[in-house]
Amino acid sequence: MKRERSPPTTNASRGAARCLRDHGQSTKYVHDIEGYNGRLDAIQAGILRTKLRYLAKWNDQRREKRAPLRRAVRGRRWRA
């Protein structure tokens, strides 16, 4: 199994990067800041790159499907 490698850093920046990477957790169950925990592997990247080609078309299809509803509710008054 391939391990992820980080670029060389100083001790201070390494600690900060680790804190961000681990959901902002400085010690177990203590979250000082909002961090993240996500990776994009090669398979996911390939799938998303392929899907990106179709995004504009999919958005246009959504707009076409939404148009009749928008026309139907145009000018109506809604109660809060």
C-alpha atoms as a PDB file:
ATOM      1  CA  MET A   1       0.000   0.000   0.000  1.00  0.00           C
ATOM      2  CA  LYS A   2       1.313   3.424  -0.952  1.00  0.00           C
ATOM      3  CA  ARG A   3       1.771   5.939   1.868  1.00  0.00           C
ATOM      4  CA  GLU A   4       1.136   9.629   1.444  1.00  0.00           C
ATOM      5  CA  ARG A   5       4.175  11.828   1.848  1.00  0.00           C
ATOM      6  CA  SER A   6       4.197  15.462   2.934  1.00  0.00           C
ATOM      7  CA  PRO A   7       6.722  18.037   1.767  1.00  0.00           C
ATOM      8  CA  PRO A   8       9.499  18.870   4.243  1.00  0.00           C
ATOM      9  CA  THR A   9       8.407  21.443   6.824  1.00  0.00           C
ATOM     10  CA  THR A  10       9.577  22.985  10.069  1.00  0.00           C
ATOM     11  CA  ASN A  11       8.323  21.615  13.376  1.00  0.00           C
ATOM     12  CA  ALA A  12       5.953  24.560  13.874  1.00  0.00           C
ATOM     13  CA  SER A  13       4.384  24.357  10.430  1.00  0.00           C
ATOM     14  CA  ARG A  14       4.232  20.560  10.631  1.00  0.00           C
ATOM     15  CA  GLY A  15       2.171  20.819  13.822  1.00  0.00           C
ATOM     16  CA  ALA A  16      -0.130  23.412  12.274  1.00  0.00           C
ATOM     17  CA  ALA A  17      -0.626  21.310   9.138  1.00  0.00           C
ATOM     18  CA  ARG A  18      -1.357  18.216  11.202  1.00  0.00           C
ATOM     19  CA  CYS A  19      -3.912  20.165  13.257  1.00  0.00           C
ATOM     20  CA  LEU A  20      -5.699  21.397  10.127  1.00  0.00           C
ATOM     21  CA  ARG A  21      -5.608  17.993   8.493  1.00  0.00           C
ATOM     22  CA  ASP A  22      -7.102  16.280  11.535  1.00  0.00           C
ATOM     23  CA  HIS A  23     -10.335  18.331  11.655  1.00  0.00           C
ATOM     24  CA  GLY A  24      -8.561  21.076  13.644  1.00  0.00           C
ATOM     25  CA  GLN A  25      -7.956  18.712  16.517  1.00  0.00           C
ATOM     26  CA  SER A  26      -5.001  19.673  18.733  1.00  0.00           C
ATOM     27  CA  THR A  27      -5.449  16.779  21.141  1.00  0.00           C
ATOM     28  CA  LYS A  28      -7.958  13.972  21.104  1.00  0.00           C
ATOM     29  CA  TYR A  29     -11.535  15.363  21.089  1.00  0.00           C
ATOM     30  CA  VAL A  30     -10.323  18.987  21.396  1.00  0.00           C
ATOM     31  CA  HIS A  31     -10.953  21.053  18.241  1.00  0.00           C
ATOM     32  CA  ASP A  32      -9.301  24.468  18.454  1.00  0.00           C
ATOM     33  CA  ILE A  33     -10.043  25.426  14.845  1.00  0.00           C
ATOM     34  CA  GLU A  34     -12.170  24.152  11.983  1.00  0.00           C
ATOM     35  CA  GLY A  35     -10.018  21.783   9.969  1.00  0.00           C
ATOM     36  CA  TYR A  36     -10.570  19.297   7.194  1.00  0.00           C
ATOM     37  CA  ASN A  37     -10.089  15.640   6.489  1.00  0.00           C
ATOM     38  CA  GLY A  38     -10.341  14.750   2.856  1.00  0.00           C
ATOM     39  CA  ARG A  39      -8.370  13.145   0.083  1.00  0.00           C
ATOM     40  CA  LEU A  40      -8.902  12.858  -3.617  1.00  0.00           C
ATOM     41  CA  ASP A  41      -7.305   9.748  -5.030  1.00  0.00           C
ATOM     42  CA  ALA A  42      -6.542   9.192  -8.688  1.00  0.00           C
ATOM     43  CA  ILE A  43      -9.706   7.186  -9.351  1.00  0.00           C
ATOM     44  CA  GLN A  44     -11.976   9.850  -7.860  1.00  0.00           C
ATOM     45  CA  ALA A  45     -10.111  12.583  -9.744  1.00  0.00           C
ATOM     46  CA  GLY A  46     -10.544  10.718 -13.025  1.00  0.00           C
ATOM     47  CA  ILE A  47     -14.267  10.220 -12.475  1.00  0.00           C
ATOM     48  CA  LEU A  48     -14.811  13.844 -11.494  1.00  0.00           C
ATOM     49  CA  ARG A  49     -12.814  15.081 -14.482  1.00  0.00           C
ATOM     50  CA  THR A  50     -15.056  13.036 -16.771  1.00  0.00           C
ATOM     51  CA  LYS A  51     -18.223  14.259 -15.051  1.00  0.00           C
ATOM     52  CA  LEU A  52     -17.033  17.856 -15.343  1.00  0.00           C
ATOM     53  CA  ARG A  53     -17.367  17.621 -19.133  1.00  0.00           C
ATOM     54  CA  TYR A  54     -21.112  17.076 -18.730  1.00  0.00           C
ATOM     55  CA  LEU A  55     -21.768  19.669 -16.007  1.00  0.00           C
ATOM     56  CA  ALA A  56     -22.909  22.503 -18.303  1.00  0.00           C
ATOM     57  CA  LYS A  57     -25.282  20.154 -20.141  1.00  0.00           C
ATOM     58  CA  TRP A  58     -26.724  18.835 -16.876  1.00  0.00           C
ATOM     59  CA  ASN A  59     -27.267  22.369 -15.571  1.00  0.00           C
ATOM     60  CA  ASP A  60     -29.061  23.334 -18.813  1.00  0.00           C
ATOM     61  CA  GLN A  61     -31.321  20.274 -18.459  1.00  0.00           C
ATOM     62  CA  ARG A  62     -32.161  21.284 -14.888  1.00  0.00           C
ATOM     63  CA  ARG A  63     -33.045  24.791 -16.039  1.00  0.00           C
ATOM     64  CA  GLU A  64     -35.316  23.380 -18.768  1.00  0.00           C
ATOM     65  CA  LYS A  65     -37.122  21.174 -16.268  1.00  0.00           C
ATOM     66  CA  ARG A  66     -37.450  24.049 -13.819  1.00  0.00           C
ATOM     67  CA  ALA A  67     -38.869  26.545 -16.352  1.00  0.00           C
ATOM     68  CA  PRO A  68     -42.530  25.325 -16.299  1.00  0.00           C
ATOM     69  CA  LEU A  69     -42.609  25.493 -12.519  1.00  0.00           C
ATOM     70  CA  ARG A  70     -41.137  28.997 -12.499  1.00  0.00           C
ATOM     71  CA  ARG A  71     -43.770  30.146 -15.010  1.00  0.00           C
ATOM     72  CA  ALA A  72     -46.545  28.550 -12.933  1.00  0.00           C
ATOM     73  CA  VAL A  73     -45.591  30.318  -9.722  1.00  0.00           C
ATOM     74  CA  ARG A  74     -44.564  33.662 -11.250  1.00  0.00           C
ATOM     75  CA  GLY A  75     -46.558  36.520  -9.771  1.00  0.00           C
ATOM     76  CA  ARG A  76     -48.086  34.500  -6.949  1.00  0.00           C
ATOM     77  CA  ARG A  77     -48.064  35.889  -3.467  1.00  0.00           C
ATOM     78  CA  TRP A  78     -46.763  33.595  -0.773  1.00  0.00           C
ATOM     79  CA  ARG A  79     -47.698  33.706   2.858  1.00  0.00           C
ATOM     80  CA  ALA A  80     -44.906  33.668   5.359  1.00  0.00           C
END
